[in-house]
């Protein structure tokens, strides 16, 4: 059984890319809030990765946890926000989730 201290940033980015919502659902709210600030080598957040990978359930979990809207509106190194990523792959469901924030 995996414990909280074993959940690394790398695991979270893999889960966002794979659409593994269970990883994010298992995090206590304070850990999920902290995870929102993580960035990969391209300055992409977990929300960027989930949006560009086409995973609406993960996008919703992360966007709902972003009380301030700072992650929903954060830019990667190319200047893209998660909405750009979702739009670029044509995922209307994710676009709608992000626009509702």
PDB file of N, CA and C in Angstrom:
ATOM      1  N   UNK A   1       0.842  -1.185   0.000  1.00  0.00           N
ATOM      2  CA  UNK A   1       0.000   0.000   0.000  1.00  0.00           C
ATOM      3  C   UNK A   1       0.887   1.249   0.000  1.00  0.00           C
ATOM      4  N   UNK A   2       0.579   2.173  -0.878  1.00  0.00           N
ATOM      5  CA  UNK A   2       1.385   3.384  -1.008  1.00  0.00           C
ATOM      6  C   UNK A   2       0.989   4.400   0.058  1.00  0.00           C
ATOM      7  N   UNK A   3       1.977   5.005   0.675  1.00  0.00           N
ATOM      8  CA  UNK A   3       1.702   6.035   1.670  1.00  0.00           C
ATOM      9  C   UNK A   3       1.981   7.407   1.073  1.00  0.00           C
ATOM     10  N   UNK A   4       1.494   8.447   1.735  1.00  0.00           N
ATOM     11  CA  UNK A   4       1.609   9.805   1.220  1.00  0.00           C
ATOM     12  C   UNK A   4       3.045  10.213   0.919  1.00  0.00           C
ATOM     13  N   UNK A   5       3.995   9.842   1.789  1.00  0.00           N
ATOM     14  CA  UNK A   5       5.364  10.300   1.587  1.00  0.00           C
ATOM     15  C   UNK A   5       6.009   9.684   0.353  1.00  0.00           C
ATOM     16  N   UNK A   6       5.399   8.674  -0.245  1.00  0.00           N
ATOM     17  CA  UNK A   6       5.944   8.055  -1.448  1.00  0.00           C
ATOM     18  C   UNK A   6       5.443   8.736  -2.729  1.00  0.00           C
ATOM     19  N   UNK A   7       4.513   9.653  -2.599  1.00  0.00           N
ATOM     20  CA  UNK A   7       3.986  10.337  -3.770  1.00  0.00           C
ATOM     21  C   UNK A   7       4.912  11.504  -4.097  1.00  0.00           C
ATOM     22  N   UNK A   8       5.698  11.305  -5.140  1.00  0.00           N
ATOM     23  CA  UNK A   8       6.710  12.284  -5.540  1.00  0.00           C
ATOM     24  C   UNK A   8       6.162  13.200  -6.640  1.00  0.00           C
ATOM     25  N   UNK A   9       6.817  14.322  -6.887  1.00  0.00           N
ATOM     26  CA  UNK A   9       6.404  15.161  -8.019  1.00  0.00           C
ATOM     27  C   UNK A   9       6.399  14.386  -9.339  1.00  0.00           C
ATOM     28  N   UNK A  10       7.383  13.521  -9.534  1.00  0.00           N
ATOM     29  CA  UNK A  10       7.445  12.733 -10.768  1.00  0.00           C
ATOM     30  C   UNK A  10       6.211  11.842 -10.904  1.00  0.00           C
ATOM     31  N   UNK A  11       5.800  11.225  -9.813  1.00  0.00           N
ATOM     32  CA  UNK A  11       4.610  10.372  -9.840  1.00  0.00           C
ATOM     33  C   UNK A  11       3.377  11.208 -10.162  1.00  0.00           C
ATOM     34  N   UNK A  12       3.282  12.394  -9.596  1.00  0.00           N
ATOM     35  CA  UNK A  12       2.130  13.252  -9.863  1.00  0.00           C
ATOM     36  C   UNK A  12       2.076  13.673 -11.331  1.00  0.00           C
ATOM     37  N   UNK A  13       3.218  14.001 -11.912  1.00  0.00           N
ATOM     38  CA  UNK A  13       3.228  14.369 -13.334  1.00  0.00           C
ATOM     39  C   UNK A  13       2.872  13.172 -14.214  1.00  0.00           C
ATOM     40  N   UNK A  14       3.344  11.979 -13.850  1.00  0.00           N
ATOM     41  CA  UNK A  14       2.973  10.774 -14.607  1.00  0.00           C
ATOM     42  C   UNK A  14       1.476  10.516 -14.494  1.00  0.00           C
ATOM     43  N   UNK A  15       0.920  10.700 -13.295  1.00  0.00           N
ATOM     44  CA  UNK A  15      -0.514  10.496 -13.084  1.00  0.00           C
ATOM     45  C   UNK A  15      -1.332  11.510 -13.885  1.00  0.00           C
ATOM     46  N   UNK A  16      -0.878  12.758 -13.929  1.00  0.00           N
ATOM     47  CA  UNK A  16      -1.580  13.783 -14.712  1.00  0.00           C
ATOM     48  C   UNK A  16      -1.555  13.436 -16.196  1.00  0.00           C
ATOM     49  N   UNK A  17      -0.418  12.957 -16.674  1.00  0.00           N
ATOM     50  CA  UNK A  17      -0.285  12.601 -18.088  1.00  0.00           C
ATOM     51  C   UNK A  17      -1.107  11.366 -18.439  1.00  0.00           C
ATOM     52  N   UNK A  18      -1.185  10.422 -17.506  1.00  0.00           N
ATOM     53  CA  UNK A  18      -1.910   9.172 -17.746  1.00  0.00           C
ATOM     54  C   UNK A  18      -3.402   9.279 -17.433  1.00  0.00           C
ATOM     55  N   UNK A  19      -3.803  10.355 -16.761  1.00  0.00           N
ATOM     56  CA  UNK A  19      -5.212  10.501 -16.395  1.00  0.00           C
ATOM     57  C   UNK A  19      -5.605   9.695 -15.180  1.00  0.00           C
ATOM     58  N   UNK A  20      -4.654   9.422 -14.302  1.00  0.00           N
ATOM     59  CA  UNK A  20      -4.920   8.621 -13.102  1.00  0.00           C
ATOM     60  C   UNK A  20      -5.491   9.502 -11.994  1.00  0.00           C
ATOM     61  N   UNK A  21      -6.789   9.711 -12.043  1.00  0.00           N
ATOM     62  CA  UNK A  21      -7.462  10.583 -11.078  1.00  0.00           C
ATOM     63  C   UNK A  21      -7.373  10.054  -9.658  1.00  0.00           C
ATOM     64  N   UNK A  22      -7.238   8.744  -9.491  1.00  0.00           N
ATOM     65  CA  UNK A  22      -7.202   8.163  -8.142  1.00  0.00           C
ATOM     66  C   UNK A  22      -6.036   8.700  -7.320  1.00  0.00           C
ATOM     67  N   UNK A  23      -4.922   8.991  -7.972  1.00  0.00           N
ATOM     68  CA  UNK A  23      -3.763   9.548  -7.257  1.00  0.00           C
ATOM     69  C   UNK A  23      -4.138  10.895  -6.647  1.00  0.00           C
ATOM     70  N   UNK A  24      -4.809  11.739  -7.408  1.00  0.00           N
ATOM     71  CA  UNK A  24      -5.169  13.076  -6.931  1.00  0.00           C
ATOM     72  C   UNK A  24      -6.305  13.022  -5.916  1.00  0.00           C
ATOM     73  N   UNK A  25      -7.226  12.076  -6.105  1.00  0.00           N
ATOM     74  CA  UNK A  25      -8.317  11.911  -5.138  1.00  0.00           C
ATOM     75  C   UNK A  25      -7.798  11.432  -3.787  1.00  0.00           C
ATOM     76  N   UNK A  26      -6.674  10.726  -3.789  1.00  0.00           N
ATOM     77  CA  UNK A  26      -6.125  10.182  -2.543  1.00  0.00           C
ATOM     78  C   UNK A  26      -5.373  11.232  -1.721  1.00  0.00           C
ATOM     79  N   UNK A  27      -5.058  12.363  -2.326  1.00  0.00           N
ATOM     80  CA  UNK A  27      -4.301  13.400  -1.618  1.00  0.00           C
ATOM     81  C   UNK A  27      -5.202  14.200  -0.685  1.00  0.00           C
ATOM     82  N   UNK A  28      -4.745  14.440   0.536  1.00  0.00           N
ATOM     83  CA  UNK A  28      -5.488  15.356   1.409  1.00  0.00           C
ATOM     84  C   UNK A  28      -5.515  16.746   0.769  1.00  0.00           C
ATOM     85  N   UNK A  29      -6.544  17.536   1.025  1.00  0.00           N
ATOM     86  CA  UNK A  29      -6.663  18.857   0.387  1.00  0.00           C
ATOM     87  C   UNK A  29      -5.416  19.729   0.502  1.00  0.00           C
ATOM     88  N   UNK A  30      -4.746  19.706   1.647  1.00  0.00           N
ATOM     89  CA  UNK A  30      -3.562  20.556   1.804  1.00  0.00           C
ATOM     90  C   UNK A  30      -2.410  20.087   0.918  1.00  0.00           C
ATOM     91  N   UNK A  31      -2.302  18.772   0.687  1.00  0.00           N
ATOM     92  CA  UNK A  31      -1.256  18.260  -0.209  1.00  0.00           C
ATOM     93  C   UNK A  31      -1.602  18.554  -1.667  1.00  0.00           C
ATOM     94  N   UNK A  32      -2.886  18.451  -1.990  1.00  0.00           N
ATOM     95  CA  UNK A  32      -3.315  18.765  -3.352  1.00  0.00           C
ATOM     96  C   UNK A  32      -3.052  20.244  -3.654  1.00  0.00           C
ATOM     97  N   UNK A  33      -3.331  21.106  -2.692  1.00  0.00           N
ATOM     98  CA  UNK A  33      -3.058  22.541  -2.875  1.00  0.00           C
ATOM     99  C   UNK A  33      -1.578  22.796  -3.120  1.00  0.00           C
ATOM    100  N   UNK A  34      -0.715  22.126  -2.367  1.00  0.00           N
ATOM    101  CA  UNK A  34       0.732  22.288  -2.548  1.00  0.00           C
ATOM    102  C   UNK A  34       1.173  21.747  -3.908  1.00  0.00           C
ATOM    103  N   UNK A  35       0.556  20.642  -4.336  1.00  0.00           N
ATOM    104  CA  UNK A  35       0.920  20.027  -5.617  1.00  0.00           C
ATOM    105  C   UNK A  35       0.616  20.948  -6.799  1.00  0.00           C
ATOM    106  N   UNK A  36      -0.357  21.822  -6.631  1.00  0.00           N
ATOM    107  CA  UNK A  36      -0.713  22.741  -7.719  1.00  0.00           C
ATOM    108  C   UNK A  36       0.442  23.646  -8.120  1.00  0.00           C
ATOM    109  N   UNK A  37       1.365  23.894  -7.204  1.00  0.00           N
ATOM    110  CA  UNK A  37       2.483  24.796  -7.506  1.00  0.00           C
ATOM    111  C   UNK A  37       3.653  24.100  -8.200  1.00  0.00           C
ATOM    112  N   UNK A  38       3.594  22.779  -8.324  1.00  0.00           N
ATOM    113  CA  UNK A  38       4.684  22.049  -8.975  1.00  0.00           C
ATOM    114  C   UNK A  38       4.790  22.427 -10.451  1.00  0.00           C
ATOM    115  N   UNK A  39       6.018  22.447 -10.962  1.00  0.00           N
ATOM    116  CA  UNK A  39       6.268  22.711 -12.379  1.00  0.00           C
ATOM    117  C   UNK A  39       7.301  21.715 -12.888  1.00  0.00           C
ATOM    118  N   UNK A  40       7.146  21.311 -14.146  1.00  0.00           N
ATOM    119  CA  UNK A  40       8.140  20.420 -14.746  1.00  0.00           C
ATOM    120  C   UNK A  40       9.226  21.257 -15.427  1.00  0.00           C
ATOM    121  N   UNK A  41      10.084  20.609 -16.193  1.00  0.00           N
ATOM    122  CA  UNK A  41      11.203  21.308 -16.839  1.00  0.00           C
ATOM    123  C   UNK A  41      10.759  22.362 -17.852  1.00  0.00           C
ATOM    124  N   UNK A  42       9.532  22.232 -18.355  1.00  0.00           N
ATOM    125  CA  UNK A  42       8.984  23.190 -19.320  1.00  0.00           C
ATOM    126  C   UNK A  42       8.106  24.237 -18.639  1.00  0.00           C
ATOM    127  N   UNK A  43       8.196  24.293 -17.300  1.00  0.00           N
ATOM    128  CA  UNK A  43       7.383  25.218 -16.495  1.00  0.00           C
ATOM    129  C   UNK A  43       5.892  24.934 -16.618  1.00  0.00           C
ATOM    130  N   UNK A  44       5.563  23.681 -16.942  1.00  0.00           N
ATOM    131  CA  UNK A  44       4.161  23.285 -17.054  1.00  0.00           C
ATOM    132  C   UNK A  44       3.691  22.739 -15.716  1.00  0.00           C
ATOM    133  N   UNK A  45       2.491  23.131 -15.323  1.00  0.00           N
ATOM    134  CA  UNK A  45       1.890  22.642 -14.088  1.00  0.00           C
ATOM    135  C   UNK A  45       1.236  21.284 -14.333  1.00  0.00           C
ATOM    136  N   UNK A  46       0.799  20.656 -13.259  1.00  0.00           N
ATOM    137  CA  UNK A  46       0.035  19.412 -13.390  1.00  0.00           C
ATOM    138  C   UNK A  46      -1.216  19.656 -14.230  1.00  0.00           C
ATOM    139  N   UNK A  47      -1.819  20.824 -14.067  1.00  0.00           N
ATOM    140  CA  UNK A  47      -3.012  21.165 -14.835  1.00  0.00           C
ATOM    141  C   UNK A  47      -2.698  21.294 -16.326  1.00  0.00           C
ATOM    142  N   UNK A  48      -1.573  21.903 -16.672  1.00  0.00           N
ATOM    143  CA  UNK A  48      -1.142  21.961 -18.079  1.00  0.00           C
ATOM    144  C   UNK A  48      -1.026  20.548 -18.650  1.00  0.00           C
ATOM    145  N   UNK A  49      -0.368  19.671 -17.899  1.00  0.00           N
ATOM    146  CA  UNK A  49      -0.107  18.308 -18.377  1.00  0.00           C
ATOM    147  C   UNK A  49      -1.415  17.541 -18.550  1.00  0.00           C
ATOM    148  N   UNK A  50      -2.303  17.613 -17.567  1.00  0.00           N
ATOM    149  CA  UNK A  50      -3.583  16.907 -17.663  1.00  0.00           C
ATOM    150  C   UNK A  50      -4.419  17.452 -18.819  1.00  0.00           C
ATOM    151  N   UNK A  51      -4.411  18.772 -19.003  1.00  0.00           N
ATOM    152  CA  UNK A  51      -5.189  19.388 -20.087  1.00  0.00           C
ATOM    153  C   UNK A  51      -4.652  18.978 -21.451  1.00  0.00           C
ATOM    154  N   UNK A  52      -3.335  19.022 -21.623  1.00  0.00           N
ATOM    155  CA  UNK A  52      -2.755  18.686 -22.930  1.00  0.00           C
ATOM    156  C   UNK A  52      -2.812  17.193 -23.220  1.00  0.00           C
ATOM    157  N   UNK A  53      -2.974  16.387 -22.167  1.00  0.00           N
ATOM    158  CA  UNK A  53      -3.077  14.934 -22.345  1.00  0.00           C
ATOM    159  C   UNK A  53      -4.526  14.484 -22.499  1.00  0.00           C
ATOM    160  N   UNK A  54      -5.472  15.405 -22.339  1.00  0.00           N
ATOM    161  CA  UNK A  54      -6.879  15.099 -22.588  1.00  0.00           C
ATOM    162  C   UNK A  54      -7.589  14.353 -21.480  1.00  0.00           C
ATOM    163  N   UNK A  55      -7.339  14.718 -20.226  1.00  0.00           N
ATOM    164  CA  UNK A  55      -7.940  14.006 -19.091  1.00  0.00           C
ATOM    165  C   UNK A  55      -8.848  14.919 -18.269  1.00  0.00           C
ATOM    166  N   UNK A  56     -10.133  15.007 -18.659  1.00  0.00           N
ATOM    167  CA  UNK A  56     -11.046  15.940 -17.999  1.00  0.00           C
ATOM    168  C   UNK A  56     -11.255  15.681 -16.505  1.00  0.00           C
ATOM    169  N   UNK A  57     -11.253  14.435 -16.075  1.00  0.00           N
ATOM    170  CA  UNK A  57     -11.473  14.160 -14.651  1.00  0.00           C
ATOM    171  C   UNK A  57     -10.340  14.744 -13.807  1.00  0.00           C
ATOM    172  N   UNK A  58      -9.112  14.564 -14.261  1.00  0.00           N
ATOM    173  CA  UNK A  58      -7.960  15.116 -13.540  1.00  0.00           C
ATOM    174  C   UNK A  58      -7.984  16.641 -13.620  1.00  0.00           C
ATOM    175  N   UNK A  59      -8.309  17.187 -14.777  1.00  0.00           N
ATOM    176  CA  UNK A  59      -8.396  18.642 -14.933  1.00  0.00           C
ATOM    177  C   UNK A  59      -9.402  19.211 -13.941  1.00  0.00           C
ATOM    178  N   UNK A  60     -10.554  18.567 -13.820  1.00  0.00           N
ATOM    179  CA  UNK A  60     -11.588  19.055 -12.901  1.00  0.00           C
ATOM    180  C   UNK A  60     -11.103  19.021 -11.459  1.00  0.00           C
ATOM    181  N   UNK A  61     -10.467  17.937 -11.048  1.00  0.00           N
ATOM    182  CA  UNK A  61      -9.949  17.825  -9.675  1.00  0.00           C
ATOM    183  C   UNK A  61      -8.954  18.948  -9.400  1.00  0.00           C
ATOM    184  N   UNK A  62      -8.021  19.146 -10.316  1.00  0.00           N
ATOM    185  CA  UNK A  62      -6.986  20.163 -10.123  1.00  0.00           C
ATOM    186  C   UNK A  62      -7.563  21.576 -10.191  1.00  0.00           C
ATOM    187  N   UNK A  63      -8.442  21.822 -11.142  1.00  0.00           N
ATOM    188  CA  UNK A  63      -9.038  23.156 -11.277  1.00  0.00           C
ATOM    189  C   UNK A  63      -9.902  23.487 -10.063  1.00  0.00           C
ATOM    190  N   UNK A  64     -10.633  22.501  -9.552  1.00  0.00           N
ATOM    191  CA  UNK A  64     -11.461  22.727  -8.364  1.00  0.00           C
ATOM    192  C   UNK A  64     -10.608  23.027  -7.138  1.00  0.00           C
ATOM    193  N   UNK A  65      -9.414  22.452  -7.079  1.00  0.00           N
ATOM    194  CA  UNK A  65      -8.514  22.681  -5.941  1.00  0.00           C
ATOM    195  C   UNK A  65      -7.824  24.039  -6.023  1.00  0.00           C
ATOM    196  N   UNK A  66      -7.854  24.657  -7.190  1.00  0.00           N
ATOM    197  CA  UNK A  66      -7.187  25.944  -7.417  1.00  0.00           C
ATOM    198  C   UNK A  66      -8.126  27.088  -7.032  1.00  0.00           C
ATOM    199  N   UNK A  67      -8.249  27.324  -5.740  1.00  0.00           N
ATOM    200  CA  UNK A  67      -9.190  28.323  -5.233  1.00  0.00           C
ATOM    201  C   UNK A  67      -8.903  29.737  -5.740  1.00  0.00           C
ATOM    202  N   UNK A  68      -7.650  30.069  -5.925  1.00  0.00           N
ATOM    203  CA  UNK A  68      -7.280  31.431  -6.329  1.00  0.00           C
ATOM    204  C   UNK A  68      -7.337  31.647  -7.843  1.00  0.00           C
ATOM    205  N   UNK A  69      -7.356  30.562  -8.593  1.00  0.00           N
ATOM    206  CA  UNK A  69      -7.320  30.669 -10.051  1.00  0.00           C
ATOM    207  C   UNK A  69      -5.929  30.905 -10.604  1.00  0.00           C
ATOM    208  N   UNK A  70      -4.932  30.872  -9.740  1.00  0.00           N
ATOM    209  CA  UNK A  70      -3.568  31.169 -10.188  1.00  0.00           C
ATOM    210  C   UNK A  70      -2.998  30.081 -11.092  1.00  0.00           C
ATOM    211  N   UNK A  71      -3.357  28.825 -10.854  1.00  0.00           N
ATOM    212  CA  UNK A  71      -2.828  27.736 -11.682  1.00  0.00           C
ATOM    213  C   UNK A  71      -3.588  27.664 -13.005  1.00  0.00           C
ATOM    214  N   UNK A  72      -4.890  27.867 -12.953  1.00  0.00           N
ATOM    215  CA  UNK A  72      -5.697  27.861 -14.177  1.00  0.00           C
ATOM    216  C   UNK A  72      -5.175  28.915 -15.153  1.00  0.00           C
ATOM    217  N   UNK A  73      -4.672  30.011 -14.617  1.00  0.00           N
ATOM    218  CA  UNK A  73      -4.189  31.118 -15.453  1.00  0.00           C
ATOM    219  C   UNK A  73      -2.672  31.193 -15.562  1.00  0.00           C
ATOM    220  N   UNK A  74      -1.960  30.180 -15.066  1.00  0.00           N
ATOM    221  CA  UNK A  74      -0.493  30.212 -15.098  1.00  0.00           C
ATOM    222  C   UNK A  74       0.034  29.847 -16.486  1.00  0.00           C
ATOM    223  N   UNK A  75       1.152  30.471 -16.842  1.00  0.00           N
ATOM    224  CA  UNK A  75       1.763  30.255 -18.155  1.00  0.00           C
ATOM    225  C   UNK A  75       2.958  29.323 -18.044  1.00  0.00           C
ATOM    226  N   UNK A  76       3.135  28.509 -19.094  1.00  0.00           N
ATOM    227  CA  UNK A  76       4.338  27.681 -19.176  1.00  0.00           C
ATOM    228  C   UNK A  76       5.437  28.492 -19.863  1.00  0.00           C
ATOM    229  N   UNK A  77       6.558  27.849 -20.176  1.00  0.00           N
ATOM    230  CA  UNK A  77       7.673  28.606 -20.765  1.00  0.00           C
ATOM    231  C   UNK A  77       7.367  29.142 -22.162  1.00  0.00           C
ATOM    232  N   UNK A  78       6.341  28.608 -22.802  1.00  0.00           N
ATOM    233  CA  UNK A  78       5.926  29.088 -24.128  1.00  0.00           C
ATOM    234  C   UNK A  78       4.860  30.177 -24.026  1.00  0.00           C
ATOM    235  N   UNK A  79       4.429  30.477 -22.795  1.00  0.00           N
ATOM    236  CA  UNK A  79       3.395  31.484 -22.594  1.00  0.00           C
ATOM    237  C   UNK A  79       1.978  30.939 -22.663  1.00  0.00           C
ATOM    238  N   UNK A  80       1.850  29.618 -22.696  1.00  0.00           N
ATOM    239  CA  UNK A  80       0.535  28.990 -22.774  1.00  0.00           C
ATOM    240  C   UNK A  80      -0.034  28.743 -21.384  1.00  0.00           C
ATOM    241  N   UNK A  81      -1.338  28.983 -21.242  1.00  0.00           N
ATOM    242  CA  UNK A  81      -2.074  28.590 -20.044  1.00  0.00           C
ATOM    243  C   UNK A  81      -2.736  27.246 -20.351  1.00  0.00           C
ATOM    244  N   UNK A  82      -3.235  26.518 -19.341  1.00  0.00           N
ATOM    245  CA  UNK A  82      -3.864  25.219 -19.611  1.00  0.00           C
ATOM    246  C   UNK A  82      -4.983  25.270 -20.657  1.00  0.00           C
ATOM    247  N   UNK A  83      -5.705  26.376 -20.730  1.00  0.00           N
ATOM    248  CA  UNK A  83      -6.762  26.517 -21.735  1.00  0.00           C
ATOM    249  C   UNK A  83      -6.202  26.416 -23.151  1.00  0.00           C
ATOM    250  N   UNK A  84      -5.031  26.993 -23.390  1.00  0.00           N
ATOM    251  CA  UNK A  84      -4.387  26.865 -24.706  1.00  0.00           C
ATOM    252  C   UNK A  84      -4.108  25.397 -25.019  1.00  0.00           C
ATOM    253  N   UNK A  85      -3.615  24.676 -24.015  1.00  0.00           N
ATOM    254  CA  UNK A  85      -3.293  23.256 -24.210  1.00  0.00           C
ATOM    255  C   UNK A  85      -4.535  22.460 -24.573  1.00  0.00           C
ATOM    256  N   UNK A  86      -5.627  22.696 -23.846  1.00  0.00           N
ATOM    257  CA  UNK A  86      -6.873  21.974 -24.122  1.00  0.00           C
ATOM    258  C   UNK A  86      -7.421  22.336 -25.495  1.00  0.00           C
ATOM    259  N   UNK A  87      -7.352  23.607 -25.846  1.00  0.00           N
ATOM    260  CA  UNK A  87      -7.845  24.056 -27.155  1.00  0.00           C
ATOM    261  C   UNK A  87      -7.031  23.459 -28.292  1.00  0.00           C
ATOM    262  N   UNK A  88      -5.721  23.353 -28.081  1.00  0.00           N
ATOM    263  CA  UNK A  88      -4.846  22.860 -29.150  1.00  0.00           C
ATOM    264  C   UNK A  88      -5.127  21.410 -29.511  1.00  0.00           C
ATOM    265  N   UNK A  89      -5.677  20.642 -28.562  1.00  0.00           N
ATOM    266  CA  UNK A  89      -6.018  19.249 -28.880  1.00  0.00           C
ATOM    267  C   UNK A  89      -7.507  19.091 -29.183  1.00  0.00           C
ATOM    268  N   UNK A  90      -8.248  20.193 -29.138  1.00  0.00           N
ATOM    269  CA  UNK A  90      -9.665  20.157 -29.488  1.00  0.00           C
ATOM    270  C   UNK A  90     -10.550  19.497 -28.454  1.00  0.00           C
ATOM    271  N   UNK A  91     -10.155  19.529 -27.185  1.00  0.00           N
ATOM    272  CA  UNK A  91     -10.952  18.883 -26.145  1.00  0.00           C
ATOM    273  C   UNK A  91     -11.941  19.888 -25.552  1.00  0.00           C
ATOM    274  N   UNK A  92     -13.164  19.863 -26.077  1.00  0.00           N
ATOM    275  CA  UNK A  92     -14.202  20.813 -25.681  1.00  0.00           C
ATOM    276  C   UNK A  92     -14.570  20.656 -24.207  1.00  0.00           C
ATOM    277  N   UNK A  93     -14.623  19.426 -23.708  1.00  0.00           N
ATOM    278  CA  UNK A  93     -14.987  19.199 -22.310  1.00  0.00           C
ATOM    279  C   UNK A  93     -13.996  19.891 -21.368  1.00  0.00           C
ATOM    280  N   UNK A  94     -12.714  19.747 -21.642  1.00  0.00           N
ATOM    281  CA  UNK A  94     -11.696  20.383 -20.798  1.00  0.00           C
ATOM    282  C   UNK A  94     -11.752  21.899 -20.960  1.00  0.00           C
ATOM    283  N   UNK A  95     -11.952  22.378 -22.169  1.00  0.00           N
ATOM    284  CA  UNK A  95     -12.086  23.822 -22.395  1.00  0.00           C
ATOM    285  C   UNK A  95     -13.225  24.369 -21.535  1.00  0.00           C
ATOM    286  N   UNK A  96     -14.355  23.672 -21.518  1.00  0.00           N
ATOM    287  CA  UNK A  96     -15.503  24.125 -20.725  1.00  0.00           C
ATOM    288  C   UNK A  96     -15.192  24.124 -19.231  1.00  0.00           C
ATOM    289  N   UNK A  97     -14.494  23.103 -18.752  1.00  0.00           N
ATOM    290  CA  UNK A  97     -14.109  23.047 -17.333  1.00  0.00           C
ATOM    291  C   UNK A  97     -13.249  24.260 -16.993  1.00  0.00           C
ATOM    292  N   UNK A  98     -12.257  24.530 -17.823  1.00  0.00           N
ATOM    293  CA  UNK A  98     -11.332  25.631 -17.547  1.00  0.00           C
ATOM    294  C   UNK A  98     -12.014  26.995 -17.671  1.00  0.00           C
ATOM    295  N   UNK A  99     -12.899  27.148 -18.631  1.00  0.00           N
ATOM    296  CA  UNK A  99     -13.609  28.419 -18.780  1.00  0.00           C
ATOM    297  C   UNK A  99     -14.549  28.684 -17.611  1.00  0.00           C
ATOM    298  N   UNK A 100     -15.024  27.630 -16.967  1.00  0.00           N
ATOM    299  CA  UNK A 100     -15.931  27.800 -15.822  1.00  0.00           C
ATOM    300  C   UNK A 100     -15.192  28.297 -14.586  1.00  0.00           C
ATOM    301  N   UNK A 101     -13.866  28.290 -14.638  1.00  0.00           N
ATOM    302  CA  UNK A 101     -13.055  28.728 -13.498  1.00  0.00           C
ATOM    303  C   UNK A 101     -12.689  30.159 -13.688  1.00  0.00           C
TER     304      UNK A 101
END
